[in-house]
C-alpha cells in the first residue's frame, strides 16, 4: 500500500526532550530518596507519565498511595514544564524540517503521534504548532504506547487507513504500537535496531524518504 501519511513521534524524533525528562525525574526522585539514573530513564522512552512513575518507584523504599503517586507525577511534570520552556527552534533535530518540506512537496500528509500531554506546549516552543495536518497526543487518548491508540487516532485525523501510514519512532514501545496498528514503522535513534521496524535510520537526516516513498 502506498504511503499517503507519515505520523511522527515528537520526543526524540523532531526535538530531543530526553534530558529535560531525565532532569525532572531525577529531581523528583532525589527529593524522595529514590535511586534514579540514565539507564532507568531509558526505560521510560515512549511510556506514559504514570507508567513511567511506576518504573521509577521500583527503587522506592516505601509504598505510595494512588493519591500520593498522582502528586509525584504532577511534581515531576511541573519540573519538566519549567525545563521545556527553554526550548526553541534551535532544538529541532537534524533533518526534521527538510523531511517535512519533502513530504509536503510529494503531497504526503503529516501528523504528530505522541503520548505526551505537553505536546502543544513543545510544538509552540519550537515554532511548529501549525506545521502538521493533525496532532494526536496524550490529551486525547486513554492508552499509551505500545497500545496503537495514538497512531490510530492520528491516521483517523488524517482521514487515512492505517495501512497507508508510516510511523516514525525512536522508542521500541512506539514501534510495537505502529505494528499493532497495522502501520509500517521507521525506527530512528534508539529504535533503529528494532527488528520489527520496516525501515531504520540514525535520524531523519539519514532516513532516505525518497527511497521509502518509492517502495
N, C-alpha and C. Protein backbone atom coordinates (compact mmCIF):
# COMPACT_ATOMS: atom_id res chain seq x y z
N UNK A 1 0.84 -1.19 0.00
CA UNK A 1 0.00 0.00 0.00
C UNK A 1 0.88 1.25 0.00
N UNK A 2 0.48 2.22 -0.80
CA UNK A 2 1.25 3.46 -0.92
C UNK A 2 1.19 4.26 0.38
N UNK A 3 2.31 4.88 0.75
CA UNK A 3 2.35 5.74 1.93
C UNK A 3 1.74 7.09 1.57
N UNK A 4 0.65 7.43 2.23
CA UNK A 4 -0.04 8.70 1.99
C UNK A 4 0.04 9.63 3.19
N UNK A 5 0.48 9.09 4.32
CA UNK A 5 0.60 9.89 5.53
C UNK A 5 1.74 9.40 6.39
N UNK A 6 2.42 10.34 7.06
CA UNK A 6 3.51 10.00 7.97
C UNK A 6 3.18 10.58 9.34
N UNK A 7 3.21 9.72 10.35
CA UNK A 7 2.91 10.13 11.71
C UNK A 7 4.19 10.10 12.53
N UNK A 8 4.59 11.25 13.02
CA UNK A 8 5.85 11.39 13.74
C UNK A 8 5.64 11.40 15.26
N UNK A 9 6.42 10.59 15.96
CA UNK A 9 6.54 10.79 17.39
C UNK A 9 7.24 12.14 17.56
N UNK A 10 7.11 12.74 18.72
CA UNK A 10 7.70 14.06 18.93
C UNK A 10 9.05 14.00 19.64
N UNK A 11 9.04 13.53 20.87
CA UNK A 11 10.27 13.46 21.66
C UNK A 11 11.26 12.47 21.05
N UNK A 12 12.46 12.95 20.73
CA UNK A 12 13.49 12.07 20.20
C UNK A 12 13.46 11.91 18.69
N UNK A 13 12.41 12.40 18.05
CA UNK A 13 12.30 12.32 16.59
C UNK A 13 12.40 13.71 15.98
N UNK A 14 11.60 14.64 16.49
CA UNK A 14 11.58 16.00 15.98
C UNK A 14 12.36 16.94 16.90
N UNK A 15 12.28 16.71 18.18
CA UNK A 15 13.01 17.50 19.16
C UNK A 15 13.42 16.58 20.30
N UNK A 16 14.57 16.83 20.87
CA UNK A 16 15.02 15.98 21.98
C UNK A 16 14.70 16.64 23.31
N UNK A 17 13.80 16.00 24.05
CA UNK A 17 13.48 16.46 25.40
C UNK A 17 13.95 15.44 26.42
N UNK A 18 14.74 14.48 25.98
CA UNK A 18 15.21 13.41 26.87
C UNK A 18 15.87 13.95 28.13
N UNK A 19 16.75 14.93 27.95
CA UNK A 19 17.47 15.45 29.11
C UNK A 19 16.53 16.19 30.05
N UNK A 20 15.52 16.87 29.47
CA UNK A 20 14.53 17.56 30.31
C UNK A 20 13.76 16.54 31.15
N UNK A 21 13.35 15.43 30.52
CA UNK A 21 12.66 14.38 31.25
C UNK A 21 13.56 13.82 32.35
N UNK A 22 14.80 13.53 31.97
CA UNK A 22 15.73 12.95 32.94
C UNK A 22 15.91 13.86 34.15
N UNK A 23 16.17 15.14 33.90
CA UNK A 23 16.42 16.08 35.00
C UNK A 23 15.19 16.23 35.89
N UNK A 24 14.01 16.21 35.28
CA UNK A 24 12.78 16.35 36.06
C UNK A 24 12.54 15.11 36.94
N UNK A 25 12.69 13.92 36.33
CA UNK A 25 12.53 12.69 37.11
C UNK A 25 13.60 12.59 38.20
N UNK A 26 14.82 12.96 37.85
CA UNK A 26 15.94 12.89 38.79
C UNK A 26 15.69 13.80 40.00
N UNK A 27 15.22 15.00 39.73
CA UNK A 27 14.95 15.95 40.82
C UNK A 27 13.87 15.40 41.76
N UNK A 28 12.79 14.88 41.17
CA UNK A 28 11.71 14.33 41.99
C UNK A 28 12.19 13.12 42.78
N UNK A 29 12.93 12.22 42.11
CA UNK A 29 13.42 11.01 42.76
C UNK A 29 14.39 11.34 43.91
N UNK A 30 15.28 12.29 43.66
CA UNK A 30 16.23 12.69 44.70
C UNK A 30 15.50 13.24 45.93
N UNK A 31 14.47 14.02 45.68
CA UNK A 31 13.69 14.59 46.79
C UNK A 31 13.02 13.49 47.62
N UNK A 32 12.69 12.36 46.95
CA UNK A 32 12.04 11.25 47.63
C UNK A 32 13.03 10.20 48.14
N UNK A 33 14.31 10.42 47.87
CA UNK A 33 15.32 9.46 48.29
C UNK A 33 15.30 8.18 47.48
N UNK A 34 14.90 8.27 46.21
CA UNK A 34 14.80 7.11 45.33
C UNK A 34 15.95 7.14 44.34
N UNK A 35 16.65 6.02 44.20
CA UNK A 35 17.75 5.96 43.24
C UNK A 35 17.21 6.05 41.81
N UNK A 36 17.84 6.90 41.00
CA UNK A 36 17.43 7.07 39.60
C UNK A 36 18.64 7.46 38.79
N UNK A 37 18.83 6.79 37.63
CA UNK A 37 19.95 7.14 36.77
C UNK A 37 19.50 7.11 35.30
N UNK A 38 20.43 7.39 34.41
CA UNK A 38 20.09 7.48 32.99
C UNK A 38 19.70 6.13 32.39
N UNK A 39 20.21 5.06 32.97
CA UNK A 39 19.83 3.73 32.48
C UNK A 39 18.35 3.47 32.77
N UNK A 40 17.91 3.83 33.95
CA UNK A 40 16.49 3.70 34.28
C UNK A 40 15.67 4.62 33.40
N UNK A 41 16.19 5.82 33.16
CA UNK A 41 15.49 6.80 32.31
C UNK A 41 15.23 6.25 30.91
N UNK A 42 16.14 5.42 30.41
CA UNK A 42 15.97 4.83 29.08
C UNK A 42 14.71 3.97 29.01
N UNK A 43 14.36 3.36 30.13
CA UNK A 43 13.17 2.50 30.16
C UNK A 43 11.87 3.30 30.06
N UNK A 44 11.95 4.60 30.21
CA UNK A 44 10.77 5.45 30.21
C UNK A 44 10.41 5.97 28.82
N UNK A 45 11.25 5.66 27.83
CA UNK A 45 11.01 6.15 26.46
C UNK A 45 9.66 5.67 25.93
N UNK A 46 8.85 6.59 25.46
CA UNK A 46 7.59 6.24 24.84
C UNK A 46 6.53 5.74 25.79
N UNK A 47 6.79 5.86 27.10
CA UNK A 47 5.87 5.34 28.12
C UNK A 47 5.13 6.51 28.77
N UNK A 48 3.89 6.30 29.15
CA UNK A 48 3.09 7.37 29.76
C UNK A 48 3.69 7.80 31.09
N UNK A 49 3.25 8.96 31.54
CA UNK A 49 3.78 9.53 32.79
C UNK A 49 3.55 8.61 33.98
N UNK A 50 2.34 8.10 34.14
CA UNK A 50 2.05 7.26 35.30
C UNK A 50 2.76 5.91 35.22
N UNK A 51 2.88 5.36 34.02
CA UNK A 51 3.63 4.11 33.86
C UNK A 51 5.11 4.35 34.11
N UNK A 52 5.60 5.51 33.71
CA UNK A 52 6.99 5.87 33.98
C UNK A 52 7.22 5.97 35.49
N UNK A 53 6.27 6.58 36.17
CA UNK A 53 6.38 6.72 37.62
C UNK A 53 6.49 5.36 38.29
N UNK A 54 5.71 4.39 37.83
CA UNK A 54 5.77 3.04 38.42
C UNK A 54 7.17 2.43 38.26
N UNK A 55 7.81 2.70 37.13
CA UNK A 55 9.17 2.21 36.92
C UNK A 55 10.14 2.90 37.89
N UNK A 56 9.98 4.21 38.04
CA UNK A 56 10.83 4.96 38.97
C UNK A 56 10.65 4.44 40.40
N UNK A 57 9.40 4.13 40.77
CA UNK A 57 9.11 3.71 42.14
C UNK A 57 9.55 2.28 42.45
N UNK A 58 10.03 1.56 41.44
CA UNK A 58 10.56 0.22 41.71
C UNK A 58 11.71 0.26 42.71
N UNK A 59 12.43 1.39 42.75
CA UNK A 59 13.57 1.55 43.67
C UNK A 59 13.18 2.23 44.98
N UNK A 60 11.92 2.56 45.14
CA UNK A 60 11.48 3.26 46.35
C UNK A 60 11.54 2.34 47.57
N UNK A 61 11.83 2.93 48.71
CA UNK A 61 11.92 2.17 49.96
C UNK A 61 10.60 2.15 50.73
N UNK A 62 9.60 2.80 50.18
CA UNK A 62 8.28 2.81 50.83
C UNK A 62 7.21 2.75 49.75
N UNK A 63 6.01 2.44 50.15
CA UNK A 63 4.89 2.38 49.21
C UNK A 63 4.16 3.72 49.18
N UNK A 64 3.50 3.99 48.08
CA UNK A 64 2.77 5.24 47.92
C UNK A 64 1.31 4.95 47.58
N UNK A 65 0.41 5.76 48.10
CA UNK A 65 -1.00 5.62 47.75
C UNK A 65 -1.22 6.17 46.35
N UNK A 66 -2.38 5.87 45.79
CA UNK A 66 -2.71 6.38 44.46
C UNK A 66 -2.68 7.90 44.44
N UNK A 67 -3.16 8.51 45.50
CA UNK A 67 -3.18 9.98 45.60
C UNK A 67 -1.76 10.53 45.65
N UNK A 68 -0.90 9.88 46.41
CA UNK A 68 0.49 10.32 46.51
C UNK A 68 1.21 10.16 45.16
N UNK A 69 0.90 9.09 44.44
CA UNK A 69 1.50 8.88 43.12
C UNK A 69 1.10 9.98 42.16
N UNK A 70 -0.16 10.37 42.21
CA UNK A 70 -0.61 11.47 41.35
C UNK A 70 0.15 12.75 41.67
N UNK A 71 0.40 12.98 42.95
CA UNK A 71 1.13 14.17 43.36
C UNK A 71 2.58 14.12 42.89
N UNK A 72 3.20 12.95 42.96
CA UNK A 72 4.58 12.79 42.48
C UNK A 72 4.66 13.04 40.98
N UNK A 73 3.71 12.46 40.25
CA UNK A 73 3.70 12.64 38.79
C UNK A 73 3.50 14.10 38.43
N UNK A 74 2.64 14.79 39.16
CA UNK A 74 2.39 16.21 38.90
C UNK A 74 3.64 17.04 39.21
N UNK A 75 4.32 16.69 40.31
CA UNK A 75 5.54 17.41 40.67
C UNK A 75 6.60 17.26 39.58
N UNK A 76 6.76 16.00 39.11
CA UNK A 76 7.71 15.78 38.02
C UNK A 76 7.34 16.60 36.80
N UNK A 77 6.04 16.60 36.46
CA UNK A 77 5.62 17.33 35.27
C UNK A 77 5.84 18.83 35.42
N UNK A 78 5.63 19.36 36.61
CA UNK A 78 5.88 20.78 36.85
C UNK A 78 7.35 21.12 36.61
N UNK A 79 8.24 20.25 37.07
CA UNK A 79 9.67 20.46 36.84
C UNK A 79 9.99 20.39 35.35
N UNK A 80 9.35 19.42 34.67
CA UNK A 80 9.57 19.22 33.23
C UNK A 80 9.10 20.43 32.43
N UNK A 81 7.93 20.95 32.76
CA UNK A 81 7.39 22.12 32.04
C UNK A 81 8.32 23.32 32.21
N UNK A 82 8.88 23.47 33.40
CA UNK A 82 9.85 24.55 33.62
C UNK A 82 11.00 24.43 32.64
N UNK A 83 11.49 23.20 32.46
CA UNK A 83 12.66 22.96 31.61
C UNK A 83 12.35 23.14 30.12
N UNK A 84 11.19 22.66 29.67
CA UNK A 84 10.90 22.75 28.23
C UNK A 84 10.54 24.17 27.78
N UNK A 85 10.31 25.05 28.72
CA UNK A 85 10.04 26.44 28.36
C UNK A 85 11.27 27.13 27.79
N UNK A 86 12.42 26.45 27.92
CA UNK A 86 13.66 26.99 27.35
C UNK A 86 13.91 26.48 25.93
N UNK A 87 13.04 25.57 25.43
CA UNK A 87 13.21 25.04 24.08
C UNK A 87 12.94 26.13 23.04
N UNK A 88 13.57 25.99 21.87
CA UNK A 88 13.36 26.94 20.78
C UNK A 88 13.52 26.21 19.45
N UNK A 89 13.39 26.93 18.35
CA UNK A 89 13.56 26.34 17.02
C UNK A 89 14.94 25.70 16.87
N UNK A 90 15.91 26.21 17.61
CA UNK A 90 17.27 25.68 17.54
C UNK A 90 17.35 24.24 18.04
N UNK A 91 16.33 23.80 18.75
CA UNK A 91 16.33 22.44 19.31
C UNK A 91 15.69 21.41 18.39
N UNK A 92 15.17 21.84 17.24
CA UNK A 92 14.61 20.89 16.27
C UNK A 92 15.74 20.01 15.75
N UNK A 93 15.53 18.71 15.74
CA UNK A 93 16.59 17.77 15.38
C UNK A 93 16.91 17.78 13.89
N UNK A 94 18.11 17.39 13.59
CA UNK A 94 18.63 17.38 12.22
C UNK A 94 17.73 16.59 11.27
N UNK A 95 17.42 17.19 10.14
CA UNK A 95 16.65 16.52 9.11
C UNK A 95 15.16 16.68 9.21
N UNK A 96 14.65 17.15 10.34
CA UNK A 96 13.20 17.23 10.53
C UNK A 96 12.55 18.20 9.56
N UNK A 97 13.02 19.42 9.51
CA UNK A 97 12.40 20.43 8.65
C UNK A 97 12.51 20.07 7.17
N UNK A 98 13.65 19.53 6.77
CA UNK A 98 13.82 19.10 5.37
C UNK A 98 12.87 17.96 5.04
N UNK A 99 12.65 17.07 6.01
CA UNK A 99 11.73 15.94 5.80
C UNK A 99 10.30 16.45 5.61
N UNK A 100 9.88 17.38 6.44
CA UNK A 100 8.53 17.95 6.30
C UNK A 100 8.35 18.59 4.92
N UNK A 101 9.37 19.32 4.49
CA UNK A 101 9.31 20.00 3.20
C UNK A 101 9.19 18.99 2.06
N UNK A 102 9.98 17.93 2.13
CA UNK A 102 9.94 16.88 1.11
C UNK A 102 8.56 16.23 1.05
N UNK A 103 8.02 15.90 2.20
CA UNK A 103 6.72 15.25 2.24
C UNK A 103 5.62 16.17 1.72
N UNK A 104 5.70 17.44 2.05
CA UNK A 104 4.73 18.40 1.54
C UNK A 104 4.77 18.45 0.01
N UNK A 105 5.98 18.48 -0.53
CA UNK A 105 6.13 18.54 -1.99
C UNK A 105 5.54 17.30 -2.65
N UNK A 106 5.61 16.18 -1.96
CA UNK A 106 5.11 14.92 -2.52
C UNK A 106 3.62 14.71 -2.24
N UNK A 107 3.00 15.66 -1.56
CA UNK A 107 1.57 15.54 -1.27
C UNK A 107 1.25 14.58 -0.15
N UNK A 108 2.24 14.29 0.70
CA UNK A 108 2.05 13.38 1.82
C UNK A 108 1.58 14.16 3.05
N UNK A 109 0.52 13.69 3.68
CA UNK A 109 0.03 14.34 4.90
C UNK A 109 0.94 13.98 6.08
N UNK A 110 1.06 14.91 7.02
CA UNK A 110 1.91 14.66 8.18
C UNK A 110 1.16 14.94 9.48
N UNK A 111 1.47 14.14 10.50
CA UNK A 111 0.81 14.26 11.80
C UNK A 111 1.79 13.99 12.93
N UNK A 112 1.42 14.40 14.11
CA UNK A 112 2.15 14.06 15.33
C UNK A 112 1.38 12.94 16.03
N UNK A 113 2.11 11.94 16.54
CA UNK A 113 1.52 10.88 17.33
C UNK A 113 2.36 10.71 18.58
N UNK A 114 2.02 11.44 19.64
CA UNK A 114 2.84 11.44 20.85
C UNK A 114 1.99 11.16 22.08
N UNK A 115 2.54 10.39 23.00
CA UNK A 115 1.84 10.10 24.25
C UNK A 115 1.91 11.26 25.23
N UNK A 116 2.73 12.26 24.92
CA UNK A 116 2.94 13.38 25.84
C UNK A 116 1.75 14.33 25.87
N UNK A 117 1.33 14.70 27.07
CA UNK A 117 0.28 15.70 27.23
C UNK A 117 0.84 17.11 27.06
N UNK A 118 2.16 17.22 27.00
CA UNK A 118 2.80 18.52 26.81
C UNK A 118 3.08 18.83 25.35
N UNK A 119 2.55 18.00 24.44
CA UNK A 119 2.80 18.18 23.01
C UNK A 119 2.49 19.59 22.52
N UNK A 120 1.31 20.17 22.84
CA UNK A 120 1.02 21.52 22.35
C UNK A 120 2.05 22.56 22.79
N UNK A 121 2.48 22.47 24.05
CA UNK A 121 3.48 23.42 24.56
C UNK A 121 4.81 23.26 23.85
N UNK A 122 5.25 22.01 23.65
CA UNK A 122 6.53 21.76 22.99
C UNK A 122 6.49 22.27 21.55
N UNK A 123 5.41 21.97 20.82
CA UNK A 123 5.29 22.42 19.43
C UNK A 123 5.33 23.94 19.35
N UNK A 124 4.67 24.60 20.30
CA UNK A 124 4.67 26.06 20.30
C UNK A 124 6.07 26.60 20.57
N UNK A 125 6.77 25.99 21.51
CA UNK A 125 8.11 26.44 21.87
C UNK A 125 9.07 26.37 20.69
N UNK A 126 8.91 25.32 19.85
CA UNK A 126 9.85 25.15 18.73
C UNK A 126 9.29 25.70 17.41
N UNK A 127 8.15 26.38 17.50
CA UNK A 127 7.60 27.05 16.32
C UNK A 127 6.94 26.15 15.31
N UNK A 128 6.47 24.98 15.73
CA UNK A 128 5.85 24.04 14.79
C UNK A 128 4.37 23.77 15.12
N UNK A 129 3.75 24.69 15.84
CA UNK A 129 2.36 24.45 16.28
C UNK A 129 1.37 24.38 15.11
N UNK A 130 1.76 24.96 13.96
CA UNK A 130 0.87 24.93 12.79
C UNK A 130 1.46 24.14 11.62
N UNK A 131 2.44 23.28 11.91
CA UNK A 131 3.18 22.59 10.85
C UNK A 131 2.54 21.28 10.41
N UNK A 132 1.55 20.77 11.17
CA UNK A 132 1.03 19.43 10.90
C UNK A 132 -0.44 19.44 10.52
N UNK A 133 -0.82 18.45 9.72
CA UNK A 133 -2.22 18.31 9.32
C UNK A 133 -3.08 17.80 10.47
N UNK A 134 -2.46 17.13 11.42
CA UNK A 134 -3.19 16.60 12.57
C UNK A 134 -2.23 16.39 13.74
N UNK A 135 -2.76 16.48 14.94
CA UNK A 135 -1.98 16.20 16.15
C UNK A 135 -2.79 15.27 17.05
N UNK A 136 -2.23 14.08 17.29
CA UNK A 136 -2.81 13.13 18.25
C UNK A 136 -1.82 13.04 19.40
N UNK A 137 -2.28 13.33 20.61
CA UNK A 137 -1.35 13.32 21.74
C UNK A 137 -1.99 12.76 23.00
N UNK A 138 -1.24 12.84 24.09
CA UNK A 138 -1.69 12.26 25.34
C UNK A 138 -2.96 12.87 25.92
N UNK A 139 -3.35 14.04 25.41
CA UNK A 139 -4.58 14.67 25.89
C UNK A 139 -5.82 14.04 25.28
N UNK A 140 -5.65 13.22 24.24
CA UNK A 140 -6.80 12.69 23.50
C UNK A 140 -6.90 11.17 23.54
N UNK A 141 -6.02 10.52 24.30
CA UNK A 141 -6.01 9.05 24.31
C UNK A 141 -6.15 8.51 25.72
N UNK A 142 -6.54 7.25 25.80
CA UNK A 142 -6.68 6.56 27.09
C UNK A 142 -5.51 5.63 27.35
N UNK A 143 -5.00 5.03 26.28
CA UNK A 143 -3.92 4.04 26.41
C UNK A 143 -2.65 4.56 25.73
N UNK A 144 -1.53 4.44 26.42
CA UNK A 144 -0.25 4.88 25.85
C UNK A 144 0.42 3.74 25.11
N UNK A 145 1.46 4.05 24.36
CA UNK A 145 2.23 3.04 23.64
C UNK A 145 2.77 2.01 24.63
N UNK A 146 2.82 0.74 24.30
CA UNK A 146 2.72 0.13 22.97
C UNK A 146 1.31 -0.11 22.43
N UNK A 147 0.28 0.39 23.13
CA UNK A 147 -1.05 0.35 22.55
C UNK A 147 -1.06 1.28 21.33
N UNK A 148 -1.70 0.87 20.23
CA UNK A 148 -1.66 1.67 19.00
C UNK A 148 -2.62 2.85 18.96
N UNK A 149 -3.33 3.12 20.06
CA UNK A 149 -4.39 4.12 20.04
C UNK A 149 -3.96 5.47 19.47
N UNK A 150 -2.82 5.99 19.90
CA UNK A 150 -2.42 7.33 19.45
C UNK A 150 -2.16 7.37 17.95
N UNK A 151 -1.60 6.29 17.39
CA UNK A 151 -1.34 6.27 15.95
C UNK A 151 -2.60 6.03 15.14
N UNK A 152 -3.50 5.22 15.68
CA UNK A 152 -4.78 5.00 15.01
C UNK A 152 -5.59 6.30 14.99
N UNK A 153 -5.49 7.06 16.07
CA UNK A 153 -6.16 8.36 16.11
C UNK A 153 -5.53 9.31 15.09
N UNK A 154 -4.19 9.29 15.01
CA UNK A 154 -3.50 10.13 14.04
C UNK A 154 -3.94 9.82 12.62
N UNK A 155 -4.04 8.53 12.28
CA UNK A 155 -4.48 8.12 10.95
C UNK A 155 -5.92 8.59 10.70
N UNK A 156 -6.76 8.43 11.71
CA UNK A 156 -8.16 8.85 11.58
C UNK A 156 -8.26 10.35 11.34
N UNK A 157 -7.48 11.13 12.06
CA UNK A 157 -7.50 12.59 11.89
C UNK A 157 -6.98 13.01 10.52
N UNK A 158 -6.08 12.19 9.96
CA UNK A 158 -5.58 12.47 8.61
C UNK A 158 -6.57 12.00 7.54
N UNK A 159 -7.55 11.21 7.96
CA UNK A 159 -8.52 10.66 7.01
C UNK A 159 -7.95 9.54 6.17
N UNK A 160 -7.01 8.78 6.78
CA UNK A 160 -6.33 7.71 6.05
C UNK A 160 -6.47 6.37 6.78
N UNK A 161 -6.52 5.26 6.04
CA UNK A 161 -6.48 3.95 6.69
C UNK A 161 -5.07 3.68 7.22
N UNK A 162 -4.95 2.91 8.28
CA UNK A 162 -3.63 2.64 8.88
C UNK A 162 -2.59 2.11 7.89
N UNK A 163 -3.04 1.27 6.96
CA UNK A 163 -2.08 0.66 6.02
C UNK A 163 -1.44 1.67 5.07
N UNK A 164 -1.99 2.88 5.00
CA UNK A 164 -1.41 3.92 4.17
C UNK A 164 -0.54 4.88 4.96
N UNK A 165 -0.27 4.52 6.23
CA UNK A 165 0.50 5.41 7.10
C UNK A 165 1.84 4.79 7.51
N UNK A 166 2.82 5.66 7.65
CA UNK A 166 4.14 5.29 8.16
C UNK A 166 4.36 6.03 9.47
N UNK A 167 4.80 5.31 10.49
CA UNK A 167 5.10 5.91 11.78
C UNK A 167 6.61 6.08 11.92
N UNK A 168 7.04 7.22 12.44
CA UNK A 168 8.46 7.44 12.71
C UNK A 168 8.64 7.49 14.23
N UNK A 169 9.45 6.59 14.75
CA UNK A 169 9.58 6.42 16.20
C UNK A 169 11.03 6.22 16.64
N UNK A 170 11.33 6.69 17.85
CA UNK A 170 12.66 6.44 18.42
C UNK A 170 12.60 5.51 19.62
N UNK A 171 11.40 5.00 19.94
CA UNK A 171 11.24 4.12 21.10
C UNK A 171 10.67 2.77 20.68
N UNK A 172 11.15 1.71 21.31
CA UNK A 172 10.65 0.36 20.98
C UNK A 172 9.15 0.26 21.20
N UNK A 173 8.66 0.92 22.26
CA UNK A 173 7.22 0.88 22.53
C UNK A 173 6.43 1.48 21.37
N UNK A 174 7.00 2.50 20.76
CA UNK A 174 6.35 3.14 19.62
C UNK A 174 6.34 2.26 18.38
N UNK A 175 7.43 1.54 18.16
CA UNK A 175 7.49 0.61 17.03
C UNK A 175 6.45 -0.47 17.20
N UNK A 176 6.34 -1.01 18.42
CA UNK A 176 5.35 -2.05 18.69
C UNK A 176 3.93 -1.51 18.49
N UNK A 177 3.72 -0.27 18.86
CA UNK A 177 2.40 0.34 18.70
C UNK A 177 2.05 0.49 17.22
N UNK A 178 3.02 0.90 16.42
CA UNK A 178 2.79 1.07 14.99
C UNK A 178 2.44 -0.26 14.34
N UNK A 179 3.21 -1.29 14.67
CA UNK A 179 2.97 -2.62 14.11
C UNK A 179 1.60 -3.14 14.54
N UNK A 180 1.26 -2.93 15.82
CA UNK A 180 -0.04 -3.38 16.32
C UNK A 180 -1.19 -2.67 15.63
N UNK A 181 -0.92 -1.44 15.16
CA UNK A 181 -1.95 -0.67 14.48
C UNK A 181 -2.02 -0.93 12.99
N UNK A 182 -1.18 -1.85 12.51
CA UNK A 182 -1.20 -2.18 11.09
C UNK A 182 -0.47 -1.18 10.21
N UNK A 183 0.49 -0.48 10.78
CA UNK A 183 1.24 0.53 10.04
C UNK A 183 2.69 0.11 9.87
N UNK A 184 3.33 0.66 8.87
CA UNK A 184 4.76 0.49 8.72
C UNK A 184 5.47 1.45 9.67
N UNK A 185 6.71 1.13 10.04
CA UNK A 185 7.43 1.95 11.01
C UNK A 185 8.86 2.20 10.57
N UNK A 186 9.29 3.43 10.77
CA UNK A 186 10.68 3.81 10.58
C UNK A 186 11.27 4.02 11.97
N UNK A 187 12.23 3.19 12.34
CA UNK A 187 12.88 3.31 13.63
C UNK A 187 14.11 4.20 13.52
N UNK A 188 14.18 5.23 14.34
CA UNK A 188 15.34 6.12 14.37
C UNK A 188 15.90 6.14 15.79
N UNK A 189 17.12 6.62 15.93
CA UNK A 189 17.72 6.72 17.25
C UNK A 189 17.76 5.37 17.95
N UNK A 190 17.25 5.32 19.16
CA UNK A 190 17.28 4.09 19.97
C UNK A 190 16.48 2.95 19.37
N UNK A 191 15.51 3.27 18.50
CA UNK A 191 14.68 2.23 17.89
C UNK A 191 15.18 1.78 16.53
N UNK A 192 16.33 2.31 16.10
CA UNK A 192 16.85 1.95 14.78
C UNK A 192 17.17 0.47 14.66
N UNK A 193 17.47 -0.15 15.78
CA UNK A 193 17.81 -1.57 15.75
C UNK A 193 16.64 -2.50 16.03
N UNK A 194 15.44 -1.94 16.15
CA UNK A 194 14.28 -2.77 16.44
C UNK A 194 13.95 -3.65 15.24
N UNK A 195 13.93 -4.98 15.42
CA UNK A 195 13.70 -5.88 14.29
C UNK A 195 12.31 -5.78 13.68
N UNK A 196 11.37 -5.15 14.40
CA UNK A 196 10.01 -5.01 13.87
C UNK A 196 9.82 -3.75 13.05
N UNK A 197 10.85 -2.90 13.01
CA UNK A 197 10.77 -1.69 12.20
C UNK A 197 10.90 -2.05 10.73
N UNK A 198 10.07 -1.44 9.90
CA UNK A 198 10.13 -1.69 8.46
C UNK A 198 11.38 -1.07 7.86
N UNK A 199 11.73 0.12 8.37
CA UNK A 199 12.90 0.87 7.91
C UNK A 199 13.67 1.34 9.15
N UNK A 200 14.96 1.60 8.97
CA UNK A 200 15.79 2.06 10.09
C UNK A 200 16.74 3.15 9.62
N UNK A 201 17.01 4.10 10.50
CA UNK A 201 17.96 5.16 10.20
C UNK A 201 18.44 5.78 11.50
N UNK A 202 19.61 6.36 11.46
CA UNK A 202 20.16 7.01 12.66
C UNK A 202 19.28 8.18 13.09
N UNK A 203 18.81 8.95 12.11
CA UNK A 203 17.94 10.09 12.39
C UNK A 203 17.20 10.47 11.11
N UNK A 204 16.37 11.49 11.15
CA UNK A 204 15.59 11.88 9.98
C UNK A 204 16.47 12.34 8.82
N UNK A 205 17.61 12.93 9.15
CA UNK A 205 18.52 13.40 8.11
C UNK A 205 19.05 12.26 7.25
N UNK A 206 19.08 11.05 7.83
CA UNK A 206 19.62 9.89 7.11
C UNK A 206 18.55 8.86 6.76
N UNK A 207 17.29 9.28 6.84
CA UNK A 207 16.20 8.33 6.66
C UNK A 207 15.98 7.89 5.22
N UNK A 208 16.34 8.74 4.26
CA UNK A 208 16.15 8.38 2.85
C UNK A 208 14.68 8.26 2.46
N UNK A 209 13.91 9.31 2.72
CA UNK A 209 12.48 9.25 2.45
C UNK A 209 12.13 9.06 0.97
N UNK A 210 12.98 9.53 0.11
CA UNK A 210 12.73 9.34 -1.33
C UNK A 210 12.64 7.85 -1.64
N UNK A 211 13.54 7.08 -1.05
CA UNK A 211 13.56 5.62 -1.25
C UNK A 211 12.36 4.97 -0.57
N UNK A 212 12.07 5.41 0.64
CA UNK A 212 10.93 4.83 1.37
C UNK A 212 9.63 5.06 0.61
N UNK A 213 9.42 6.26 0.10
CA UNK A 213 8.18 6.57 -0.60
C UNK A 213 8.07 5.84 -1.94
N UNK A 214 9.22 5.41 -2.45
CA UNK A 214 9.22 4.71 -3.73
C UNK A 214 8.91 3.23 -3.57
N UNK A 215 8.93 2.72 -2.33
CA UNK A 215 8.66 1.29 -2.08
C UNK A 215 7.26 0.91 -2.52
